[in-house]
Amino acid sequence: TRAGYPDFLVFRLVDGEIVTDILEPHQGEDSVAKAKGLAEFARRYGEWFGRIEMIRDFGDDLRCISLDQANVRDQLDLVTGHEDFLALFR
């Protein structure tokens, strides 16, 4: 296990409160491990944040998966390889 650091923390004002979003654009082969780590973080601490998302660049299209959603985390738990991971974005 190693520490992971997201690329972007976005602060926005929602109904007079500051909300922090965690956005992680990642293309590397370690994307599955990073996504699973961030999903576990979202399970534990997601209620303290706004959006927690992995972002993927597909050339002409940017797509994201919302790790703050339990059903997405459940699907990610079933991912065993890189192709399964990419299918989550589609």
PDB file of N, CA and C in Angstrom:
ATOM      1  N   THR A   1       0.842  -1.177   0.000  1.00  0.00           N
ATOM      2  CA  THR A   1       0.000   0.000   0.000  1.00  0.00           C
ATOM      3  C   THR A   1       0.887   1.239   0.000  1.00  0.00           C
ATOM      4  N   ARG A   2       0.552   2.166  -0.890  1.00  0.00           N
ATOM      5  CA  ARG A   2       1.285   3.427  -0.963  1.00  0.00           C
ATOM      6  C   ARG A   2       0.296   4.582  -0.924  1.00  0.00           C
ATOM      7  N   ALA A   3       0.790   5.705  -0.497  1.00  0.00           N
ATOM      8  CA  ALA A   3      -0.048   6.913  -0.464  1.00  0.00           C
ATOM      9  C   ALA A   3      -0.383   7.337  -1.892  1.00  0.00           C
ATOM     10  N   GLY A   4      -1.579   7.843  -2.067  1.00  0.00           N
ATOM     11  CA  GLY A   4      -1.991   8.381  -3.352  1.00  0.00           C
ATOM     12  C   GLY A   4      -2.458   9.820  -3.162  1.00  0.00           C
ATOM     13  N   TYR A   5      -2.152  10.641  -4.122  1.00  0.00           N
ATOM     14  CA  TYR A   5      -2.505  12.051  -4.028  1.00  0.00           C
ATOM     15  C   TYR A   5      -3.266  12.462  -5.283  1.00  0.00           C
ATOM     16  N   PRO A   6      -4.500  12.936  -5.134  1.00  0.00           N
ATOM     17  CA  PRO A   6      -5.278  13.324  -6.314  1.00  0.00           C
ATOM     18  C   PRO A   6      -4.673  14.558  -6.974  1.00  0.00           C
ATOM     19  N   ASP A   7      -4.938  14.674  -8.266  1.00  0.00           N
ATOM     20  CA  ASP A   7      -4.410  15.815  -9.013  1.00  0.00           C
ATOM     21  C   ASP A   7      -5.134  17.117  -8.694  1.00  0.00           C
ATOM     22  N   PHE A   8      -6.446  17.032  -8.475  1.00  0.00           N
ATOM     23  CA  PHE A   8      -7.202  18.269  -8.290  1.00  0.00           C
ATOM     24  C   PHE A   8      -8.131  18.200  -7.083  1.00  0.00           C
ATOM     25  N   LEU A   9      -8.090  19.233  -6.284  1.00  0.00           N
ATOM     26  CA  LEU A   9      -9.100  19.508  -5.266  1.00  0.00           C
ATOM     27  C   LEU A   9      -9.786  20.784  -5.732  1.00  0.00           C
ATOM     28  N   VAL A  10     -11.082  20.706  -5.949  1.00  0.00           N
ATOM     29  CA  VAL A  10     -11.838  21.848  -6.446  1.00  0.00           C
ATOM     30  C   VAL A  10     -12.759  22.316  -5.331  1.00  0.00           C
ATOM     31  N   PHE A  11     -12.678  23.590  -5.013  1.00  0.00           N
ATOM     32  CA  PHE A  11     -13.512  24.168  -3.969  1.00  0.00           C
ATOM     33  C   PHE A  11     -14.595  25.007  -4.631  1.00  0.00           C
ATOM     34  N   ARG A  12     -15.835  24.747  -4.231  1.00  0.00           N
ATOM     35  CA  ARG A  12     -16.948  25.504  -4.811  1.00  0.00           C
ATOM     36  C   ARG A  12     -17.951  25.841  -3.712  1.00  0.00           C
ATOM     37  N   LEU A  13     -18.700  26.889  -3.950  1.00  0.00           N
ATOM     38  CA  LEU A  13     -19.688  27.370  -2.990  1.00  0.00           C
ATOM     39  C   LEU A  13     -21.058  26.804  -3.361  1.00  0.00           C
ATOM     40  N   VAL A  14     -21.667  26.065  -2.440  1.00  0.00           N
ATOM     41  CA  VAL A  14     -22.993  25.473  -2.646  1.00  0.00           C
ATOM     42  C   VAL A  14     -23.867  25.860  -1.455  1.00  0.00           C
ATOM     43  N   ASP A  15     -24.905  26.620  -1.724  1.00  0.00           N
ATOM     44  CA  ASP A  15     -25.829  27.060  -0.673  1.00  0.00           C
ATOM     45  C   ASP A  15     -25.093  27.675   0.519  1.00  0.00           C
ATOM     46  N   GLY A  16     -24.100  28.500   0.221  1.00  0.00           N
ATOM     47  CA  GLY A  16     -23.367  29.205   1.262  1.00  0.00           C
ATOM     48  C   GLY A  16     -22.289  28.378   1.954  1.00  0.00           C
ATOM     49  N   GLU A  17     -22.112  27.122   1.559  1.00  0.00           N
ATOM     50  CA  GLU A  17     -21.099  26.232   2.149  1.00  0.00           C
ATOM     51  C   GLU A  17     -20.021  25.928   1.121  1.00  0.00           C
ATOM     52  N   ILE A  18     -18.786  25.818   1.574  1.00  0.00           N
ATOM     53  CA  ILE A  18     -17.700  25.414   0.690  1.00  0.00           C
ATOM     54  C   ILE A  18     -17.693  23.892   0.605  1.00  0.00           C
ATOM     55  N   VAL A  19     -17.745  23.378  -0.628  1.00  0.00           N
ATOM     56  CA  VAL A  19     -17.716  21.946  -0.901  1.00  0.00           C
ATOM     57  C   VAL A  19     -16.425  21.642  -1.638  1.00  0.00           C
ATOM     58  N   THR A  20     -15.760  20.553  -1.259  1.00  0.00           N
ATOM     59  CA  THR A  20     -14.510  20.154  -1.901  1.00  0.00           C
ATOM     60  C   THR A  20     -14.758  18.919  -2.754  1.00  0.00           C
ATOM     61  N   ASP A  21     -14.389  19.013  -4.026  1.00  0.00           N
ATOM     62  CA  ASP A  21     -14.457  17.882  -4.949  1.00  0.00           C
ATOM     63  C   ASP A  21     -13.048  17.326  -5.147  1.00  0.00           C
ATOM     64  N   ILE A  22     -12.946  16.019  -5.306  1.00  0.00           N
ATOM     65  CA  ILE A  22     -11.677  15.352  -5.607  1.00  0.00           C
ATOM     66  C   ILE A  22     -11.783  14.819  -7.028  1.00  0.00           C
ATOM     67  N   LEU A  23     -10.896  15.293  -7.901  1.00  0.00           N
ATOM     68  CA  LEU A  23     -10.902  14.889  -9.303  1.00  0.00           C
ATOM     69  C   LEU A  23      -9.539  14.306  -9.655  1.00  0.00           C
ATOM     70  N   GLU A  24      -9.547  13.101 -10.213  1.00  0.00           N
ATOM     71  CA  GLU A  24      -8.304  12.409 -10.540  1.00  0.00           C
ATOM     72  C   GLU A  24      -8.309  11.977 -12.004  1.00  0.00           C
ATOM     73  N   PRO A  25      -7.687  12.794 -12.879  1.00  0.00           N
ATOM     74  CA  PRO A  25      -7.516  12.355 -14.262  1.00  0.00           C
ATOM     75  C   PRO A  25      -6.290  11.440 -14.311  1.00  0.00           C
ATOM     76  N   HIS A  26      -6.485  10.215 -14.776  1.00  0.00           N
ATOM     77  CA  HIS A  26      -5.354   9.285 -14.739  1.00  0.00           C
ATOM     78  C   HIS A  26      -5.403   8.360 -15.939  1.00  0.00           C
ATOM     79  N   GLN A  27      -4.279   8.201 -16.593  1.00  0.00           N
ATOM     80  CA  GLN A  27      -4.177   7.377 -17.788  1.00  0.00           C
ATOM     81  C   GLN A  27      -3.267   6.163 -17.599  1.00  0.00           C
ATOM     82  N   GLY A  28      -2.530   6.094 -16.527  1.00  0.00           N
ATOM     83  CA  GLY A  28      -1.497   5.081 -16.373  1.00  0.00           C
ATOM     84  C   GLY A  28      -2.022   3.680 -16.150  1.00  0.00           C
ATOM     85  N   GLU A  29      -1.112   2.730 -16.248  1.00  0.00           N
ATOM     86  CA  GLU A  29      -1.447   1.325 -16.030  1.00  0.00           C
ATOM     87  C   GLU A  29      -1.840   1.051 -14.587  1.00  0.00           C
ATOM     88  N   ASP A  30      -1.490   1.946 -13.686  1.00  0.00           N
ATOM     89  CA  ASP A  30      -1.869   1.774 -12.283  1.00  0.00           C
ATOM     90  C   ASP A  30      -3.240   2.386 -11.980  1.00  0.00           C
ATOM     91  N   SER A  31      -3.995   2.687 -13.027  1.00  0.00           N
ATOM     92  CA  SER A  31      -5.299   3.327 -12.855  1.00  0.00           C
ATOM     93  C   SER A  31      -6.253   2.501 -12.004  1.00  0.00           C
ATOM     94  N   VAL A  32      -6.237   1.181 -12.172  1.00  0.00           N
ATOM     95  CA  VAL A  32      -7.156   0.331 -11.408  1.00  0.00           C
ATOM     96  C   VAL A  32      -6.841   0.448  -9.923  1.00  0.00           C
ATOM     97  N   ALA A  33      -5.568   0.358  -9.584  1.00  0.00           N
ATOM     98  CA  ALA A  33      -5.165   0.453  -8.171  1.00  0.00           C
ATOM     99  C   ALA A  33      -5.518   1.822  -7.604  1.00  0.00           C
ATOM    100  N   LYS A  34      -5.279   2.881  -8.380  1.00  0.00           N
ATOM    101  CA  LYS A  34      -5.620   4.227  -7.905  1.00  0.00           C
ATOM    102  C   LYS A  34      -7.126   4.376  -7.714  1.00  0.00           C
ATOM    103  N   ALA A  35      -7.902   3.853  -8.663  1.00  0.00           N
ATOM    104  CA  ALA A  35      -9.361   3.951  -8.566  1.00  0.00           C
ATOM    105  C   ALA A  35      -9.870   3.186  -7.350  1.00  0.00           C
ATOM    106  N   LYS A  36      -9.335   2.003  -7.130  1.00  0.00           N
ATOM    107  CA  LYS A  36      -9.782   1.209  -5.979  1.00  0.00           C
ATOM    108  C   LYS A  36      -9.407   1.885  -4.662  1.00  0.00           C
ATOM    109  N   GLY A  37      -8.236   2.481  -4.605  1.00  0.00           N
ATOM    110  CA  GLY A  37      -7.838   3.216  -3.410  1.00  0.00           C
ATOM    111  C   GLY A  37      -8.721   4.427  -3.170  1.00  0.00           C
ATOM    112  N   LEU A  38      -9.018   5.158  -4.238  1.00  0.00           N
ATOM    113  CA  LEU A  38      -9.873   6.336  -4.112  1.00  0.00           C
ATOM    114  C   LEU A  38     -11.308   5.925  -3.766  1.00  0.00           C
ATOM    115  N   ALA A  39     -11.747   4.782  -4.280  1.00  0.00           N
ATOM    116  CA  ALA A  39     -13.082   4.275  -3.937  1.00  0.00           C
ATOM    117  C   ALA A  39     -13.158   3.925  -2.451  1.00  0.00           C
ATOM    118  N   GLU A  40     -12.109   3.322  -1.926  1.00  0.00           N
ATOM    119  CA  GLU A  40     -12.094   3.003  -0.498  1.00  0.00           C
ATOM    120  C   GLU A  40     -12.101   4.281   0.336  1.00  0.00           C
ATOM    121  N   PHE A  41     -11.360   5.286  -0.114  1.00  0.00           N
ATOM    122  CA  PHE A  41     -11.387   6.593   0.548  1.00  0.00           C
ATOM    123  C   PHE A  41     -12.816   7.150   0.539  1.00  0.00           C
ATOM    124  N   ALA A  42     -13.491   7.040  -0.617  1.00  0.00           N
ATOM    125  CA  ALA A  42     -14.859   7.544  -0.740  1.00  0.00           C
ATOM    126  C   ALA A  42     -15.809   6.793   0.193  1.00  0.00           C
ATOM    127  N   ARG A  43     -15.610   5.489   0.341  1.00  0.00           N
ATOM    128  CA  ARG A  43     -16.439   4.714   1.274  1.00  0.00           C
ATOM    129  C   ARG A  43     -16.306   5.253   2.697  1.00  0.00           C
ATOM    130  N   ARG A  44     -15.079   5.548   3.067  1.00  0.00           N
ATOM    131  CA  ARG A  44     -14.810   5.975   4.447  1.00  0.00           C
ATOM    132  C   ARG A  44     -15.143   7.441   4.706  1.00  0.00           C
ATOM    133  N   TYR A  45     -14.794   8.299   3.750  1.00  0.00           N
ATOM    134  CA  TYR A  45     -14.848   9.740   4.016  1.00  0.00           C
ATOM    135  C   TYR A  45     -15.693  10.531   3.012  1.00  0.00           C
ATOM    136  N   GLY A  46     -16.368   9.843   2.112  1.00  0.00           N
ATOM    137  CA  GLY A  46     -17.094  10.509   1.030  1.00  0.00           C
ATOM    138  C   GLY A  46     -18.134  11.517   1.478  1.00  0.00           C
ATOM    139  N   GLU A  47     -18.712  11.295   2.630  1.00  0.00           N
ATOM    140  CA  GLU A  47     -19.753  12.212   3.107  1.00  0.00           C
ATOM    141  C   GLU A  47     -19.207  13.615   3.378  1.00  0.00           C
ATOM    142  N   TRP A  48     -17.901  13.742   3.513  1.00  0.00           N
ATOM    143  CA  TRP A  48     -17.287  15.044   3.796  1.00  0.00           C
ATOM    144  C   TRP A  48     -16.919  15.804   2.524  1.00  0.00           C
ATOM    145  N   PHE A  49     -17.173  15.200   1.370  1.00  0.00           N
ATOM    146  CA  PHE A  49     -16.769  15.794   0.099  1.00  0.00           C
ATOM    147  C   PHE A  49     -17.962  15.898  -0.841  1.00  0.00           C
ATOM    148  N   GLY A  50     -17.761  16.641  -1.908  1.00  0.00           N
ATOM    149  CA  GLY A  50     -18.758  16.705  -2.979  1.00  0.00           C
ATOM    150  C   GLY A  50     -18.529  15.539  -3.915  1.00  0.00           C
ATOM    151  N   ARG A  51     -18.047  15.835  -5.091  1.00  0.00           N
ATOM    152  CA  ARG A  51     -17.784  14.789  -6.081  1.00  0.00           C
ATOM    153  C   ARG A  51     -16.409  14.161  -5.821  1.00  0.00           C
ATOM    154  N   ILE A  52     -16.334  12.860  -6.025  1.00  0.00           N
ATOM    155  CA  ILE A  52     -15.054  12.135  -6.011  1.00  0.00           C
ATOM    156  C   ILE A  52     -15.038  11.343  -7.306  1.00  0.00           C
ATOM    157  N   GLU A  53     -14.211  11.780  -8.280  1.00  0.00           N
ATOM    158  CA  GLU A  53     -14.300  11.223  -9.622  1.00  0.00           C
ATOM    159  C   GLU A  53     -12.934  10.871 -10.208  1.00  0.00           C
ATOM    160  N   MET A  54     -12.927   9.777 -10.957  1.00  0.00           N
ATOM    161  CA  MET A  54     -11.795   9.428 -11.822  1.00  0.00           C
ATOM    162  C   MET A  54     -12.189   9.906 -13.210  1.00  0.00           C
ATOM    163  N   ILE A  55     -11.245  10.513 -13.908  1.00  0.00           N
ATOM    164  CA  ILE A  55     -11.505  11.061 -15.237  1.00  0.00           C
ATOM    165  C   ILE A  55     -10.558  10.377 -16.217  1.00  0.00           C
ATOM    166  N   ARG A  56     -11.093  10.048 -17.375  1.00  0.00           N
ATOM    167  CA  ARG A  56     -10.300   9.355 -18.391  1.00  0.00           C
ATOM    168  C   ARG A  56     -10.454  10.084 -19.717  1.00  0.00           C
ATOM    169  N   ASP A  57      -9.348  10.277 -20.415  1.00  0.00           N
ATOM    170  CA  ASP A  57      -9.336  10.922 -21.725  1.00  0.00           C
ATOM    171  C   ASP A  57      -9.350   9.834 -22.792  1.00  0.00           C
ATOM    172  N   PHE A  58     -10.406   9.819 -23.613  1.00  0.00           N
ATOM    173  CA  PHE A  58     -10.532   8.860 -24.703  1.00  0.00           C
ATOM    174  C   PHE A  58     -10.273   9.545 -26.042  1.00  0.00           C
ATOM    175  N   GLY A  59      -9.393  10.510 -26.050  1.00  0.00           N
ATOM    176  CA  GLY A  59      -9.039  11.205 -27.286  1.00  0.00           C
ATOM    177  C   GLY A  59      -9.988  12.343 -27.593  1.00  0.00           C
ATOM    178  N   ASP A  60     -11.150  12.026 -28.117  1.00  0.00           N
ATOM    179  CA  ASP A  60     -12.121  13.062 -28.457  1.00  0.00           C
ATOM    180  C   ASP A  60     -13.214  13.196 -27.400  1.00  0.00           C
ATOM    181  N   ASP A  61     -13.035  12.510 -26.283  1.00  0.00           N
ATOM    182  CA  ASP A  61     -14.079  12.483 -25.265  1.00  0.00           C
ATOM    183  C   ASP A  61     -13.466  12.308 -23.882  1.00  0.00           C
ATOM    184  N   LEU A  62     -13.876  13.139 -22.938  1.00  0.00           N
ATOM    185  CA  LEU A  62     -13.507  12.953 -21.534  1.00  0.00           C
ATOM    186  C   LEU A  62     -14.679  12.291 -20.832  1.00  0.00           C
ATOM    187  N   ARG A  63     -14.392  11.248 -20.060  1.00  0.00           N
ATOM    188  CA  ARG A  63     -15.445  10.557 -19.316  1.00  0.00           C
ATOM    189  C   ARG A  63     -15.015  10.414 -17.871  1.00  0.00           C
ATOM    190  N   CYS A  64     -16.003  10.286 -16.995  1.00  0.00           N
ATOM    191  CA  CYS A  64     -15.680  10.133 -15.581  1.00  0.00           C
ATOM    192  C   CYS A  64     -16.541   9.053 -14.945  1.00  0.00           C
ATOM    193  N   ILE A  65     -16.018   8.497 -13.863  1.00  0.00           N
ATOM    194  CA  ILE A  65     -16.813   7.615 -13.013  1.00  0.00           C
ATOM    195  C   ILE A  65     -16.854   8.263 -11.636  1.00  0.00           C
ATOM    196  N   SER A  66     -18.009   8.223 -11.031  1.00  0.00           N
ATOM    197  CA  SER A  66     -18.241   8.891  -9.751  1.00  0.00           C
ATOM    198  C   SER A  66     -18.051   7.898  -8.610  1.00  0.00           C
ATOM    199  N   LEU A  67     -16.914   7.976  -7.961  1.00  0.00           N
ATOM    200  CA  LEU A  67     -16.596   7.047  -6.889  1.00  0.00           C
ATOM    201  C   LEU A  67     -17.333   7.377  -5.595  1.00  0.00           C
ATOM    202  N   ASP A  68     -18.034   8.494  -5.582  1.00  0.00           N
ATOM    203  CA  ASP A  68     -18.859   8.827  -4.425  1.00  0.00           C
ATOM    204  C   ASP A  68     -20.200   8.089  -4.473  1.00  0.00           C
ATOM    205  N   GLN A  69     -20.472   7.357  -5.556  1.00  0.00           N
ATOM    206  CA  GLN A  69     -21.709   6.592  -5.692  1.00  0.00           C
ATOM    207  C   GLN A  69     -21.454   5.121  -5.370  1.00  0.00           C
ATOM    208  N   ALA A  70     -22.233   4.578  -4.456  1.00  0.00           N
ATOM    209  CA  ALA A  70     -22.040   3.196  -3.986  1.00  0.00           C
ATOM    210  C   ALA A  70     -22.136   2.187  -5.125  1.00  0.00           C
ATOM    211  N   ASN A  71     -23.051   2.371  -6.072  1.00  0.00           N
ATOM    212  CA  ASN A  71     -23.194   1.400  -7.157  1.00  0.00           C
ATOM    213  C   ASN A  71     -21.963   1.374  -8.060  1.00  0.00           C
ATOM    214  N   VAL A  72     -21.311   2.505  -8.247  1.00  0.00           N
ATOM    215  CA  VAL A  72     -20.075   2.554  -9.042  1.00  0.00           C
ATOM    216  C   VAL A  72     -18.953   1.845  -8.285  1.00  0.00           C
ATOM    217  N   ARG A  73     -18.859   2.085  -6.984  1.00  0.00           N
ATOM    218  CA  ARG A  73     -17.842   1.390  -6.174  1.00  0.00           C
ATOM    219  C   ARG A  73     -18.063  -0.118  -6.199  1.00  0.00           C
ATOM    220  N   ASP A  74     -19.322  -0.545  -6.157  1.00  0.00           N
ATOM    221  CA  ASP A  74     -19.630  -1.974  -6.220  1.00  0.00           C
ATOM    222  C   ASP A  74     -19.175  -2.573  -7.546  1.00  0.00           C
ATOM    223  N   GLN A  75     -19.395  -1.848  -8.640  1.00  0.00           N
ATOM    224  CA  GLN A  75     -18.937  -2.318  -9.951  1.00  0.00           C
ATOM    225  C   GLN A  75     -17.412  -2.359 -10.002  1.00  0.00           C
ATOM    226  N   LEU A  76     -16.767  -1.371  -9.411  1.00  0.00           N
ATOM    227  CA  LEU A  76     -15.309  -1.316  -9.395  1.00  0.00           C
ATOM    228  C   LEU A  76     -14.723  -2.485  -8.596  1.00  0.00           C
ATOM    229  N   ASP A  77     -15.420  -2.918  -7.562  1.00  0.00           N
ATOM    230  CA  ASP A  77     -14.957  -4.068  -6.781  1.00  0.00           C
ATOM    231  C   ASP A  77     -14.810  -5.310  -7.646  1.00  0.00           C
ATOM    232  N   LEU A  78     -15.587  -5.408  -8.723  1.00  0.00           N
ATOM    233  CA  LEU A  78     -15.555  -6.565  -9.616  1.00  0.00           C
ATOM    234  C   LEU A  78     -14.487  -6.472 -10.696  1.00  0.00           C
ATOM    235  N   VAL A  79     -13.871  -5.317 -10.831  1.00  0.00           N
ATOM    236  CA  VAL A  79     -12.848  -5.100 -11.859  1.00  0.00           C
ATOM    237  C   VAL A  79     -11.574  -5.870 -11.493  1.00  0.00           C
ATOM    238  N   THR A  80     -11.088  -6.645 -12.466  1.00  0.00           N
ATOM    239  CA  THR A  80      -9.865  -7.417 -12.239  1.00  0.00           C
ATOM    240  C   THR A  80      -8.712  -6.981 -13.128  1.00  0.00           C
ATOM    241  N   GLY A  81      -9.005  -6.209 -14.158  1.00  0.00           N
ATOM    242  CA  GLY A  81      -7.943  -5.774 -15.062  1.00  0.00           C
ATOM    243  C   GLY A  81      -8.270  -4.453 -15.731  1.00  0.00           C
ATOM    244  N   HIS A  82      -7.327  -4.012 -16.537  1.00  0.00           N
ATOM    245  CA  HIS A  82      -7.425  -2.699 -17.172  1.00  0.00           C
ATOM    246  C   HIS A  82      -8.624  -2.600 -18.118  1.00  0.00           C
ATOM    247  N   GLU A  83      -8.904  -3.650 -18.886  1.00  0.00           N
ATOM    248  CA  GLU A  83     -10.037  -3.600 -19.817  1.00  0.00           C
ATOM    249  C   GLU A  83     -11.367  -3.520 -19.078  1.00  0.00           C
ATOM    250  N   ASP A  84     -11.497  -4.254 -17.972  1.00  0.00           N
ATOM    251  CA  ASP A  84     -12.708  -4.149 -17.145  1.00  0.00           C
ATOM    252  C   ASP A  84     -12.877  -2.725 -16.634  1.00  0.00           C
ATOM    253  N   PHE A  85     -11.767  -2.130 -16.251  1.00  0.00           N
ATOM    254  CA  PHE A  85     -11.780  -0.755 -15.740  1.00  0.00           C
ATOM    255  C   PHE A  85     -12.263   0.220 -16.808  1.00  0.00           C
ATOM    256  N   LEU A  86     -11.720   0.095 -18.013  1.00  0.00           N
ATOM    257  CA  LEU A  86     -12.125   0.996 -19.096  1.00  0.00           C
ATOM    258  C   LEU A  86     -13.608   0.830 -19.422  1.00  0.00           C
ATOM    259  N   ALA A  87     -14.137  -0.379 -19.258  1.00  0.00           N
ATOM    260  CA  ALA A  87     -15.554  -0.615 -19.526  1.00  0.00           C
ATOM    261  C   ALA A  87     -16.454   0.179 -18.592  1.00  0.00           C
ATOM    262  N   LEU A  88     -15.984   0.467 -17.386  1.00  0.00           N
ATOM    263  CA  LEU A  88     -16.778   1.290 -16.453  1.00  0.00           C
ATOM    264  C   LEU A  88     -17.041   2.681 -17.020  1.00  0.00           C
ATOM    265  N   PHE A  89     -16.121   3.186 -17.782  1.00  0.00           N
ATOM    266  CA  PHE A  89     -16.265   4.528 -18.364  1.00  0.00           C
ATOM    267  C   PHE A  89     -17.216   4.532 -19.549  1.00  0.00           C
ATOM    268  N   ARG A  90     -17.388   3.382 -20.142  1.00  0.00           N
ATOM    269  CA  ARG A  90     -18.246   3.291 -21.336  1.00  0.00           C
ATOM    270  C   ARG A  90     -19.636   2.985 -20.885  1.00  0.00           C
TER     271      ARG A  90
END
